[in-house]
Amino acid sequence: MPTLLIVHHTPSPNCQAMFEAVLSGATAPEIEDVRVVRRAALSATATDVLDADGYLLGTPANLGYMSGALKHFFDQVYYPCLDATRGRPFGYYVHGGNDVTGAVRGIESITTGLGWRRAADTVTVTGEPDRSAVERCWELGATLAAGLMG
């Protein structure tokens, strides 16, 4: 059974709302035979990445960059997973108070280095997530999970 790994750093109610919407989309009843594994960014391991078939990442934009927790995740898994995960699909969401540009640039740079293939539109939100943002997060989760269905 294919596995979607959701790696997230969820320190705020806004990030929590986005995470819950992503998870709801990934586990929708229409999604069949896809295992969804959730890991906080500080506890996700290279084994988690190697055991998954696709990835969904979530982070706040902190001080103009992705969270330290997500950066730590990438630092821990980059070289152990570099060759084995090339070409695997991924997507991500970012929440910021007013600007997410640096976080997006950092994630794009690292995932390009890993050779991962973006399989869904990125969801970026500044301020409180409105209904449209929550729906886009749901779609992000559903799209990545559906893409792994046999």
Protein backbone atom coordinates (compact mmCIF):
# COMPACT_ATOMS: atom_id res chain seq x y z
CA MET A 1 0.00 0.00 0.00
CA PRO A 2 1.48 3.38 -0.95
CA THR A 3 2.26 5.79 1.88
CA LEU A 4 1.88 9.57 2.05
CA LEU A 5 4.11 11.11 4.73
CA ILE A 6 2.90 14.42 6.16
CA VAL A 7 5.75 16.27 7.89
CA HIS A 8 4.58 19.40 9.67
CA HIS A 9 5.44 22.04 12.20
CA THR A 10 2.21 23.27 13.72
CA PRO A 11 2.89 25.82 16.46
CA SER A 12 -0.15 28.07 15.99
CA PRO A 13 -3.93 27.82 15.56
CA ASN A 14 -3.55 29.02 11.96
CA CYS A 15 -1.04 26.28 11.13
CA GLN A 16 -3.25 23.77 12.96
CA ALA A 17 -6.25 24.71 10.81
CA MET A 18 -4.19 24.21 7.65
CA PHE A 19 -2.77 20.90 8.88
CA GLU A 20 -6.24 19.58 9.78
CA ALA A 21 -7.57 20.52 6.33
CA VAL A 22 -4.63 18.80 4.59
CA LEU A 23 -5.12 15.69 6.70
CA SER A 24 -8.86 15.68 6.03
CA GLY A 25 -8.25 15.83 2.28
CA ALA A 26 -5.62 13.10 2.39
CA THR A 27 -7.92 10.78 4.34
CA ALA A 28 -11.17 11.58 2.51
CA PRO A 29 -13.42 8.55 1.92
CA GLU A 30 -12.71 8.73 -1.82
CA ILE A 31 -9.03 8.05 -1.15
CA GLU A 32 -8.60 4.29 -1.08
CA ASP A 33 -5.62 2.12 -0.27
CA VAL A 34 -3.25 4.95 0.69
CA ARG A 35 -1.68 4.96 4.13
CA VAL A 36 -1.27 8.44 5.62
CA VAL A 37 1.49 8.88 8.20
CA ARG A 38 1.79 12.10 10.20
CA ARG A 39 5.04 13.20 11.78
CA ALA A 40 6.00 16.37 13.58
CA ALA A 41 9.01 17.83 11.80
CA LEU A 42 11.25 17.36 14.84
CA SER A 43 10.44 13.64 15.08
CA ALA A 44 10.36 12.63 11.39
CA THR A 45 13.27 10.41 10.38
CA ALA A 46 15.08 9.29 7.25
CA THR A 47 13.37 5.91 7.68
CA ASP A 48 9.98 7.66 7.55
CA VAL A 49 11.01 9.34 4.29
CA LEU A 50 12.44 6.17 2.75
CA ASP A 51 9.30 4.21 3.68
CA ALA A 52 6.97 6.76 2.03
CA ASP A 53 5.99 7.14 -1.59
CA GLY A 54 5.06 10.83 -1.44
CA TYR A 55 5.42 13.79 0.89
CA LEU A 56 3.33 16.66 2.14
CA LEU A 57 5.17 19.35 4.09
CA GLY A 58 3.77 22.12 6.27
CA THR A 59 5.49 25.02 7.98
CA PRO A 60 5.06 28.52 9.28
CA ALA A 61 7.25 31.23 7.79
CA ASN A 62 9.45 32.36 10.67
CA LEU A 63 11.74 35.36 10.35
CA GLY A 64 11.63 35.11 6.57
CA TYR A 65 12.33 31.37 6.32
CA MET A 66 10.76 27.96 6.93
CA SER A 67 10.56 26.93 10.57
CA GLY A 68 13.70 25.68 12.23
CA ALA A 69 11.87 22.40 12.82
CA LEU A 70 11.30 21.79 9.10
CA LYS A 71 14.87 22.86 8.31
CA HIS A 72 16.08 20.37 10.96
CA PHE A 73 13.99 17.67 9.25
CA PHE A 74 15.65 18.42 5.90
CA ASP A 75 19.10 18.47 7.51
CA GLN A 76 18.50 15.01 9.00
CA VAL A 77 17.10 13.32 5.89
CA TYR A 78 18.85 15.03 2.98
CA TYR A 79 21.87 12.81 2.41
CA PRO A 80 20.39 9.51 3.66
CA CYS A 81 17.44 9.96 1.26
CA LEU A 82 19.07 11.81 -1.62
CA ASP A 83 19.38 9.04 -4.20
CA ALA A 84 16.58 6.74 -3.05
CA THR A 85 13.75 9.32 -3.18
CA ARG A 86 14.45 11.12 -6.46
CA GLY A 87 11.34 11.68 -8.52
CA ARG A 88 8.89 11.14 -5.68
CA PRO A 89 5.90 13.49 -5.55
CA PHE A 90 5.52 16.19 -2.93
CA GLY A 91 3.52 19.26 -2.05
CA TYR A 92 3.56 21.81 0.72
CA TYR A 93 1.78 24.60 2.53
CA VAL A 94 3.20 27.65 4.28
CA HIS A 95 1.57 30.06 6.71
CA GLY A 96 3.00 33.49 7.48
CA GLY A 97 2.02 36.63 9.27
CA ASN A 98 2.81 38.83 6.29
CA ASP A 99 5.38 37.22 3.94
CA VAL A 100 6.18 33.63 2.97
CA THR A 101 8.64 34.29 0.13
CA GLY A 102 11.78 33.13 1.94
CA ALA A 103 10.13 29.96 3.24
CA VAL A 104 8.88 29.06 -0.24
CA ARG A 105 12.30 29.73 -1.75
CA GLY A 106 14.01 27.55 0.86
CA ILE A 107 11.63 24.62 0.42
CA GLU A 108 11.86 24.84 -3.38
CA SER A 109 15.65 24.88 -3.22
CA ILE A 110 15.94 21.86 -0.93
CA THR A 111 13.32 19.75 -2.69
CA THR A 112 14.94 20.55 -6.05
CA GLY A 113 18.22 19.29 -4.63
CA LEU A 114 16.49 16.12 -3.45
CA GLY A 115 15.01 15.65 -6.90
CA TRP A 116 11.45 15.53 -5.63
CA ARG A 117 8.65 16.33 -8.10
CA ARG A 118 6.03 18.88 -7.09
CA ALA A 119 2.68 17.16 -7.66
CA ALA A 120 0.26 19.85 -6.49
CA ASP A 121 0.01 23.60 -6.27
CA THR A 122 1.58 25.10 -3.17
CA VAL A 123 -0.79 26.67 -0.65
CA THR A 124 0.49 29.88 0.91
CA VAL A 125 -1.51 31.90 3.40
CA THR A 126 -0.78 35.12 5.21
CA GLY A 127 -2.96 36.03 8.17
CA GLU A 128 -5.84 33.90 9.32
CA PRO A 129 -6.77 31.13 6.85
CA ASP A 130 -10.15 31.90 5.32
CA ARG A 131 -12.56 29.37 3.87
CA SER A 132 -10.83 29.42 0.47
CA ALA A 133 -7.43 28.73 2.07
CA VAL A 134 -8.82 25.82 4.06
CA GLU A 135 -10.41 24.41 0.89
CA ARG A 136 -7.08 24.72 -0.97
CA CYS A 137 -5.38 22.84 1.87
CA TRP A 138 -8.01 20.09 1.65
CA GLU A 139 -7.39 19.88 -2.11
CA LEU A 140 -3.64 19.70 -1.53
CA GLY A 141 -4.02 16.71 0.78
CA ALA A 142 -6.53 15.00 -1.50
CA THR A 143 -4.45 15.57 -4.63
CA LEU A 144 -1.27 14.12 -3.18
CA ALA A 145 -3.03 11.10 -1.70
CA ALA A 146 -5.07 10.45 -4.86
CA GLY A 147 -1.88 10.61 -6.91
CA LEU A 148 -0.56 7.64 -4.93
CA MET A 149 -3.65 5.48 -5.47
CA GLY A 150 -2.94 2.42 -7.59
